[in-house]
Amino acid sequence: MFGFPSEVGQGLAGASIKDLAEVEVTFSGEGLHWKTLDVDLSIPALMNGIFGTKKWMAELARNSNSALFLFCQSIKFSQYP
């Protein structure tokens, strides 16, 4: 099981709970798709602490004192069973 705060996912910040709940796993099984939000994220990237484009990740890093940035950093060093 894996989860992340919607605020760190590019295109997900500020989305309603209803819109977030309407997520689909892509046919390949390696992506998540939110049709109503027009957002696609890679599961392998998410598991490696990559929550969007380089520009998006740089924006998260600029907010280096935020809890979201600390969460992103902790993902990179976590061990998964």
PDB file of N, CA and C in Angstrom:
ATOM      1  N   MET A   1       0.839  -1.163   0.000  1.00  0.00           N
ATOM      2  CA  MET A   1       0.000   0.000   0.000  1.00  0.00           C
ATOM      3  C   MET A   1       0.891   1.235   0.000  1.00  0.00           C
ATOM      4  N   PHE A   2       0.472   2.240  -0.729  1.00  0.00           N
ATOM      5  CA  PHE A   2       1.233   3.481  -0.829  1.00  0.00           C
ATOM      6  C   PHE A   2       0.254   4.643  -0.896  1.00  0.00           C
ATOM      7  N   GLY A   3       0.585   5.709  -0.236  1.00  0.00           N
ATOM      8  CA  GLY A   3      -0.229   6.914  -0.278  1.00  0.00           C
ATOM      9  C   GLY A   3       0.651   8.137  -0.214  1.00  0.00           C
ATOM     10  N   PHE A   4       0.113   9.249  -0.611  1.00  0.00           N
ATOM     11  CA  PHE A   4       0.836  10.521  -0.544  1.00  0.00           C
ATOM     12  C   PHE A   4      -0.181  11.653  -0.432  1.00  0.00           C
ATOM     13  N   PRO A   5       0.215  12.772   0.175  1.00  0.00           N
ATOM     14  CA  PRO A   5      -0.703  13.909   0.279  1.00  0.00           C
ATOM     15  C   PRO A   5      -1.004  14.460  -1.118  1.00  0.00           C
ATOM     16  N   SER A   6      -2.249  14.713  -1.406  1.00  0.00           N
ATOM     17  CA  SER A   6      -2.607  15.208  -2.731  1.00  0.00           C
ATOM     18  C   SER A   6      -1.912  16.529  -3.057  1.00  0.00           C
ATOM     19  N   GLU A   7      -1.549  17.293  -2.060  1.00  0.00           N
ATOM     20  CA  GLU A   7      -0.903  18.582  -2.295  1.00  0.00           C
ATOM     21  C   GLU A   7       0.461  18.459  -2.984  1.00  0.00           C
ATOM     22  N   VAL A   8       1.093  17.286  -2.876  1.00  0.00           N
ATOM     23  CA  VAL A   8       2.406  17.139  -3.513  1.00  0.00           C
ATOM     24  C   VAL A   8       2.303  16.640  -4.948  1.00  0.00           C
ATOM     25  N   GLY A   9       1.168  16.074  -5.319  1.00  0.00           N
ATOM     26  CA  GLY A   9       1.003  15.572  -6.680  1.00  0.00           C
ATOM     27  C   GLY A   9       0.664  16.692  -7.643  1.00  0.00           C
ATOM     28  N   GLN A  10       1.438  16.824  -8.700  1.00  0.00           N
ATOM     29  CA  GLN A  10       1.201  17.888  -9.662  1.00  0.00           C
ATOM     30  C   GLN A  10      -0.206  17.751 -10.249  1.00  0.00           C
ATOM     31  N   GLY A  11      -0.967  18.826 -10.145  1.00  0.00           N
ATOM     32  CA  GLY A  11      -2.323  18.846 -10.663  1.00  0.00           C
ATOM     33  C   GLY A  11      -3.383  18.388  -9.671  1.00  0.00           C
ATOM     34  N   LEU A  12      -2.959  17.934  -8.508  1.00  0.00           N
ATOM     35  CA  LEU A  12      -3.911  17.426  -7.526  1.00  0.00           C
ATOM     36  C   LEU A  12      -4.191  18.402  -6.392  1.00  0.00           C
ATOM     37  N   ALA A  13      -3.297  19.341  -6.168  1.00  0.00           N
ATOM     38  CA  ALA A  13      -3.466  20.300  -5.076  1.00  0.00           C
ATOM     39  C   ALA A  13      -4.773  21.072  -5.249  1.00  0.00           C
ATOM     40  N   GLY A  14      -5.544  21.117  -4.199  1.00  0.00           N
ATOM     41  CA  GLY A  14      -6.796  21.866  -4.226  1.00  0.00           C
ATOM     42  C   GLY A  14      -7.964  21.103  -4.829  1.00  0.00           C
ATOM     43  N   ALA A  15      -7.733  19.873  -5.282  1.00  0.00           N
ATOM     44  CA  ALA A  15      -8.820  19.081  -5.864  1.00  0.00           C
ATOM     45  C   ALA A  15      -9.778  18.626  -4.772  1.00  0.00           C
ATOM     46  N   SER A  16     -11.030  18.458  -5.156  1.00  0.00           N
ATOM     47  CA  SER A  16     -12.038  17.984  -4.193  1.00  0.00           C
ATOM     48  C   SER A  16     -11.815  16.508  -3.892  1.00  0.00           C
ATOM     49  N   ILE A  17     -12.321  16.087  -2.753  1.00  0.00           N
ATOM     50  CA  ILE A  17     -12.232  14.669  -2.371  1.00  0.00           C
ATOM     51  C   ILE A  17     -12.921  13.809  -3.427  1.00  0.00           C
ATOM     52  N   LYS A  18     -14.041  14.298  -3.945  1.00  0.00           N
ATOM     53  CA  LYS A  18     -14.764  13.561  -4.987  1.00  0.00           C
ATOM     54  C   LYS A  18     -13.889  13.359  -6.222  1.00  0.00           C
ATOM     55  N   ASP A  19     -13.235  14.430  -6.677  1.00  0.00           N
ATOM     56  CA  ASP A  19     -12.370  14.319  -7.855  1.00  0.00           C
ATOM     57  C   ASP A  19     -11.174  13.411  -7.584  1.00  0.00           C
ATOM     58  N   LEU A  20     -10.595  13.506  -6.400  1.00  0.00           N
ATOM     59  CA  LEU A  20      -9.453  12.655  -6.058  1.00  0.00           C
ATOM     60  C   LEU A  20      -9.848  11.185  -6.014  1.00  0.00           C
ATOM     61  N   ALA A  21     -11.069  10.913  -5.588  1.00  0.00           N
ATOM     62  CA  ALA A  21     -11.534   9.532  -5.477  1.00  0.00           C
ATOM     63  C   ALA A  21     -11.760   8.884  -6.836  1.00  0.00           C
ATOM     64  N   GLU A  22     -11.891   9.682  -7.878  1.00  0.00           N
ATOM     65  CA  GLU A  22     -12.159   9.155  -9.213  1.00  0.00           C
ATOM     66  C   GLU A  22     -10.859   8.851  -9.961  1.00  0.00           C
ATOM     67  N   VAL A  23      -9.970   8.143  -9.307  1.00  0.00           N
ATOM     68  CA  VAL A  23      -8.680   7.782  -9.893  1.00  0.00           C
ATOM     69  C   VAL A  23      -8.779   6.397 -10.512  1.00  0.00           C
ATOM     70  N   GLU A  24      -8.083   6.217 -11.617  1.00  0.00           N
ATOM     71  CA  GLU A  24      -8.050   4.919 -12.293  1.00  0.00           C
ATOM     72  C   GLU A  24      -6.600   4.488 -12.458  1.00  0.00           C
ATOM     73  N   VAL A  25      -6.360   3.191 -12.386  1.00  0.00           N
ATOM     74  CA  VAL A  25      -5.046   2.645 -12.708  1.00  0.00           C
ATOM     75  C   VAL A  25      -5.006   2.483 -14.222  1.00  0.00           C
ATOM     76  N   THR A  26      -3.925   2.925 -14.853  1.00  0.00           N
ATOM     77  CA  THR A  26      -3.820   2.820 -16.301  1.00  0.00           C
ATOM     78  C   THR A  26      -3.741   1.367 -16.744  1.00  0.00           C
ATOM     79  N   PHE A  27      -3.984   1.135 -18.020  1.00  0.00           N
ATOM     80  CA  PHE A  27      -3.987  -0.214 -18.581  1.00  0.00           C
ATOM     81  C   PHE A  27      -2.676  -0.954 -18.300  1.00  0.00           C
ATOM     82  N   SER A  28      -1.553  -0.231 -18.369  1.00  0.00           N
ATOM     83  CA  SER A  28      -0.244  -0.851 -18.129  1.00  0.00           C
ATOM     84  C   SER A  28      -0.040  -1.226 -16.666  1.00  0.00           C
ATOM     85  N   GLY A  29      -0.837  -0.628 -15.779  1.00  0.00           N
ATOM     86  CA  GLY A  29      -0.688  -0.865 -14.353  1.00  0.00           C
ATOM     87  C   GLY A  29       0.398  -0.019 -13.720  1.00  0.00           C
ATOM     88  N   GLU A  30       1.004   0.861 -14.492  1.00  0.00           N
ATOM     89  CA  GLU A  30       2.105   1.676 -13.980  1.00  0.00           C
ATOM     90  C   GLU A  30       1.765   3.150 -13.819  1.00  0.00           C
ATOM     91  N   GLY A  31       0.506   3.494 -13.969  1.00  0.00           N
ATOM     92  CA  GLY A  31       0.138   4.893 -13.856  1.00  0.00           C
ATOM     93  C   GLY A  31      -1.191   5.076 -13.166  1.00  0.00           C
ATOM     94  N   LEU A  32      -1.417   6.288 -12.707  1.00  0.00           N
ATOM     95  CA  LEU A  32      -2.691   6.698 -12.127  1.00  0.00           C
ATOM     96  C   LEU A  32      -3.249   7.811 -12.998  1.00  0.00           C
ATOM     97  N   HIS A  33      -4.554   7.762 -13.270  1.00  0.00           N
ATOM     98  CA  HIS A  33      -5.191   8.746 -14.142  1.00  0.00           C
ATOM     99  C   HIS A  33      -6.436   9.300 -13.465  1.00  0.00           C
ATOM    100  N   TRP A  34      -6.517  10.627 -13.416  1.00  0.00           N
ATOM    101  CA  TRP A  34      -7.689  11.330 -12.924  1.00  0.00           C
ATOM    102  C   TRP A  34      -8.309  12.034 -14.121  1.00  0.00           C
ATOM    103  N   LYS A  35      -9.356  11.448 -14.680  1.00  0.00           N
ATOM    104  CA  LYS A  35      -9.975  11.995 -15.895  1.00  0.00           C
ATOM    105  C   LYS A  35     -10.523  13.398 -15.674  1.00  0.00           C
ATOM    106  N   THR A  36     -11.244  13.599 -14.568  1.00  0.00           N
ATOM    107  CA  THR A  36     -11.867  14.905 -14.325  1.00  0.00           C
ATOM    108  C   THR A  36     -10.837  16.004 -14.083  1.00  0.00           C
ATOM    109  N   LEU A  37      -9.654  15.625 -13.628  1.00  0.00           N
ATOM    110  CA  LEU A  37      -8.590  16.605 -13.364  1.00  0.00           C
ATOM    111  C   LEU A  37      -7.578  16.682 -14.497  1.00  0.00           C
ATOM    112  N   ASP A  38      -7.680  15.766 -15.466  1.00  0.00           N
ATOM    113  CA  ASP A  38      -6.721  15.659 -16.571  1.00  0.00           C
ATOM    114  C   ASP A  38      -5.296  15.536 -16.035  1.00  0.00           C
ATOM    115  N   VAL A  39      -5.124  14.587 -15.101  1.00  0.00           N
ATOM    116  CA  VAL A  39      -3.829  14.369 -14.449  1.00  0.00           C
ATOM    117  C   VAL A  39      -3.431  12.907 -14.611  1.00  0.00           C
ATOM    118  N   ASP A  40      -2.169  12.701 -14.965  1.00  0.00           N
ATOM    119  CA  ASP A  40      -1.584  11.362 -15.044  1.00  0.00           C
ATOM    120  C   ASP A  40      -0.274  11.374 -14.262  1.00  0.00           C
ATOM    121  N   LEU A  41      -0.111  10.422 -13.357  1.00  0.00           N
ATOM    122  CA  LEU A  41       1.127  10.301 -12.602  1.00  0.00           C
ATOM    123  C   LEU A  41       1.625   8.862 -12.684  1.00  0.00           C
ATOM    124  N   SER A  42       2.929   8.712 -12.719  1.00  0.00           N
ATOM    125  CA  SER A  42       3.571   7.412 -12.811  1.00  0.00           C
ATOM    126  C   SER A  42       3.730   6.799 -11.419  1.00  0.00           C
ATOM    127  N   ILE A  43       3.271   5.557 -11.255  1.00  0.00           N
ATOM    128  CA  ILE A  43       3.411   4.889  -9.961  1.00  0.00           C
ATOM    129  C   ILE A  43       4.884   4.680  -9.600  1.00  0.00           C
ATOM    130  N   PRO A  44       5.739   4.185 -10.519  1.00  0.00           N
ATOM    131  CA  PRO A  44       7.162   4.055 -10.168  1.00  0.00           C
ATOM    132  C   PRO A  44       7.785   5.391  -9.756  1.00  0.00           C
ATOM    133  N   ALA A  45       7.422   6.473 -10.441  1.00  0.00           N
ATOM    134  CA  ALA A  45       7.951   7.790 -10.073  1.00  0.00           C
ATOM    135  C   ALA A  45       7.468   8.191  -8.683  1.00  0.00           C
ATOM    136  N   LEU A  46       6.182   7.999  -8.413  1.00  0.00           N
ATOM    137  CA  LEU A  46       5.643   8.329  -7.094  1.00  0.00           C
ATOM    138  C   LEU A  46       6.363   7.561  -5.997  1.00  0.00           C
ATOM    139  N   MET A  47       6.628   6.292  -6.261  1.00  0.00           N
ATOM    140  CA  MET A  47       7.324   5.455  -5.278  1.00  0.00           C
ATOM    141  C   MET A  47       8.755   5.928  -5.031  1.00  0.00           C
ATOM    142  N   ASN A  48       9.300   6.680  -5.987  1.00  0.00           N
ATOM    143  CA  ASN A  48      10.646   7.226  -5.851  1.00  0.00           C
ATOM    144  C   ASN A  48      10.644   8.694  -5.433  1.00  0.00           C
ATOM    145  N   GLY A  49       9.487   9.184  -4.993  1.00  0.00           N
ATOM    146  CA  GLY A  49       9.410  10.553  -4.499  1.00  0.00           C
ATOM    147  C   GLY A  49       9.358  11.605  -5.578  1.00  0.00           C
ATOM    148  N   ILE A  50       8.951  11.224  -6.793  1.00  0.00           N
ATOM    149  CA  ILE A  50       8.817  12.179  -7.897  1.00  0.00           C
ATOM    150  C   ILE A  50       7.323  12.389  -8.132  1.00  0.00           C
ATOM    151  N   PHE A  51       6.848  13.578  -7.836  1.00  0.00           N
ATOM    152  CA  PHE A  51       5.422  13.861  -7.836  1.00  0.00           C
ATOM    153  C   PHE A  51       4.973  14.745  -8.986  1.00  0.00           C
ATOM    154  N   GLY A  52       5.832  14.920  -9.985  1.00  0.00           N
ATOM    155  CA  GLY A  52       5.496  15.736 -11.148  1.00  0.00           C
ATOM    156  C   GLY A  52       6.734  16.031 -11.965  1.00  0.00           C
ATOM    157  N   THR A  53       6.645  17.066 -12.779  1.00  0.00           N
ATOM    158  CA  THR A  53       7.751  17.472 -13.642  1.00  0.00           C
ATOM    159  C   THR A  53       8.914  18.033 -12.828  1.00  0.00           C
ATOM    160  N   LYS A  54      10.041  18.225 -13.486  1.00  0.00           N
ATOM    161  CA  LYS A  54      11.201  18.831 -12.814  1.00  0.00           C
ATOM    162  C   LYS A  54      10.838  20.211 -12.273  1.00  0.00           C
ATOM    163  N   LYS A  55      10.082  20.956 -13.043  1.00  0.00           N
ATOM    164  CA  LYS A  55       9.663  22.293 -12.601  1.00  0.00           C
ATOM    165  C   LYS A  55       8.802  22.199 -11.336  1.00  0.00           C
ATOM    166  N   TRP A  56       7.876  21.246 -11.312  1.00  0.00           N
ATOM    167  CA  TRP A  56       7.022  21.046 -10.138  1.00  0.00           C
ATOM    168  C   TRP A  56       7.847  20.665  -8.917  1.00  0.00           C
ATOM    169  N   MET A  57       8.781  19.743  -9.106  1.00  0.00           N
ATOM    170  CA  MET A  57       9.617  19.303  -7.998  1.00  0.00           C
ATOM    171  C   MET A  57      10.493  20.440  -7.485  1.00  0.00           C
ATOM    172  N   ALA A  58      10.954  21.292  -8.401  1.00  0.00           N
ATOM    173  CA  ALA A  58      11.753  22.458  -7.993  1.00  0.00           C
ATOM    174  C   ALA A  58      10.907  23.406  -7.142  1.00  0.00           C
ATOM    175  N   GLU A  59       9.640  23.556  -7.498  1.00  0.00           N
ATOM    176  CA  GLU A  59       8.741  24.409  -6.711  1.00  0.00           C
ATOM    177  C   GLU A  59       8.548  23.835  -5.307  1.00  0.00           C
ATOM    178  N   LEU A  60       8.389  22.513  -5.220  1.00  0.00           N
ATOM    179  CA  LEU A  60       8.290  21.891  -3.894  1.00  0.00           C
ATOM    180  C   LEU A  60       9.572  22.116  -3.098  1.00  0.00           C
ATOM    181  N   ALA A  61      10.720  22.013  -3.766  1.00  0.00           N
ATOM    182  CA  ALA A  61      12.006  22.211  -3.089  1.00  0.00           C
ATOM    183  C   ALA A  61      12.173  23.652  -2.615  1.00  0.00           C
ATOM    184  N   ARG A  62      11.642  24.609  -3.375  1.00  0.00           N
ATOM    185  CA  ARG A  62      11.731  26.023  -2.961  1.00  0.00           C
ATOM    186  C   ARG A  62      11.006  26.245  -1.637  1.00  0.00           C
ATOM    187  N   ASN A  63      10.003  25.441  -1.408  1.00  0.00           N
ATOM    188  CA  ASN A  63       9.266  25.516  -0.150  1.00  0.00           C
ATOM    189  C   ASN A  63       9.865  24.529   0.840  1.00  0.00           C
ATOM    190  N   SER A  64      11.196  24.563   0.964  1.00  0.00           N
ATOM    191  CA  SER A  64      11.927  23.536   1.704  1.00  0.00           C
ATOM    192  C   SER A  64      11.588  23.452   3.190  1.00  0.00           C
ATOM    193  N   ASN A  65      10.927  24.435   3.735  1.00  0.00           N
ATOM    194  CA  ASN A  65      10.540  24.360   5.140  1.00  0.00           C
ATOM    195  C   ASN A  65       9.153  23.753   5.318  1.00  0.00           C
ATOM    196  N   SER A  66       8.494  23.467   4.212  1.00  0.00           N
ATOM    197  CA  SER A  66       7.130  22.963   4.314  1.00  0.00           C
ATOM    198  C   SER A  66       7.102  21.485   4.689  1.00  0.00           C
ATOM    199  N   ALA A  67       6.024  21.084   5.303  1.00  0.00           N
ATOM    200  CA  ALA A  67       5.833  19.674   5.643  1.00  0.00           C
ATOM    201  C   ALA A  67       5.782  18.823   4.389  1.00  0.00           C
ATOM    202  N   LEU A  68       5.270  19.396   3.296  1.00  0.00           N
ATOM    203  CA  LEU A  68       5.197  18.648   2.040  1.00  0.00           C
ATOM    204  C   LEU A  68       6.586  18.310   1.518  1.00  0.00           C
ATOM    205  N   PHE A  69       7.498  19.263   1.588  1.00  0.00           N
ATOM    206  CA  PHE A  69       8.861  19.006   1.126  1.00  0.00           C
ATOM    207  C   PHE A  69       9.515  17.939   1.999  1.00  0.00           C
ATOM    208  N   LEU A  70       9.315  18.035   3.299  1.00  0.00           N
ATOM    209  CA  LEU A  70       9.887  17.037   4.200  1.00  0.00           C
ATOM    210  C   LEU A  70       9.314  15.655   3.913  1.00  0.00           C
ATOM    211  N   PHE A  71       8.032  15.601   3.583  1.00  0.00           N
ATOM    212  CA  PHE A  71       7.427  14.324   3.206  1.00  0.00           C
ATOM    213  C   PHE A  71       8.106  13.779   1.955  1.00  0.00           C
ATOM    214  N   CYS A  72       8.284  14.624   0.951  1.00  0.00           N
ATOM    215  CA  CYS A  72       8.932  14.192  -0.296  1.00  0.00           C
ATOM    216  C   CYS A  72      10.326  13.652  -0.018  1.00  0.00           C
ATOM    217  N   GLN A  73      11.069  14.309   0.839  1.00  0.00           N
ATOM    218  CA  GLN A  73      12.415  13.851   1.166  1.00  0.00           C
ATOM    219  C   GLN A  73      12.382  12.524   1.904  1.00  0.00           C
ATOM    220  N   SER A  74      11.400  12.334   2.777  1.00  0.00           N
ATOM    221  CA  SER A  74      11.338  11.091   3.545  1.00  0.00           C
ATOM    222  C   SER A  74      11.027   9.906   2.630  1.00  0.00           C
ATOM    223  N   ILE A  75      10.276  10.109   1.576  1.00  0.00           N
ATOM    224  CA  ILE A  75       9.949   9.036   0.636  1.00  0.00           C
ATOM    225  C   ILE A  75      11.225   8.485   0.002  1.00  0.00           C
ATOM    226  N   LYS A  76      12.147   9.362  -0.323  1.00  0.00           N
ATOM    227  CA  LYS A  76      13.369   8.949  -1.004  1.00  0.00           C
ATOM    228  C   LYS A  76      14.215   8.013  -0.149  1.00  0.00           C
ATOM    229  N   PHE A  77      14.068   8.100   1.158  1.00  0.00           N
ATOM    230  CA  PHE A  77      14.919   7.326   2.040  1.00  0.00           C
ATOM    231  C   PHE A  77      14.166   6.221   2.775  1.00  0.00           C
ATOM    232  N   SER A  78      12.905   6.046   2.459  1.00  0.00           N
ATOM    233  CA  SER A  78      12.112   5.012   3.128  1.00  0.00           C
ATOM    234  C   SER A  78      12.403   3.638   2.538  1.00  0.00           C
ATOM    235  N   GLN A  79      12.252   2.646   3.367  1.00  0.00           N
ATOM    236  CA  GLN A  79      12.368   1.259   2.905  1.00  0.00           C
ATOM    237  C   GLN A  79      10.960   0.701   2.789  1.00  0.00           C
ATOM    238  N   TYR A  80      10.706   0.024   1.684  1.00  0.00           N
ATOM    239  CA  TYR A  80       9.399  -0.600   1.490  1.00  0.00           C
ATOM    240  C   TYR A  80       9.558  -2.104   1.541  1.00  0.00           C
ATOM    241  N   PRO A  81       8.635  -2.774   2.235  1.00  0.00           N
ATOM    242  CA  PRO A  81       8.724  -4.246   2.334  1.00  0.00           C
ATOM    243  C   PRO A  81       8.466  -4.901   0.980  1.00  0.00           C
TER     244      PRO A  81
END
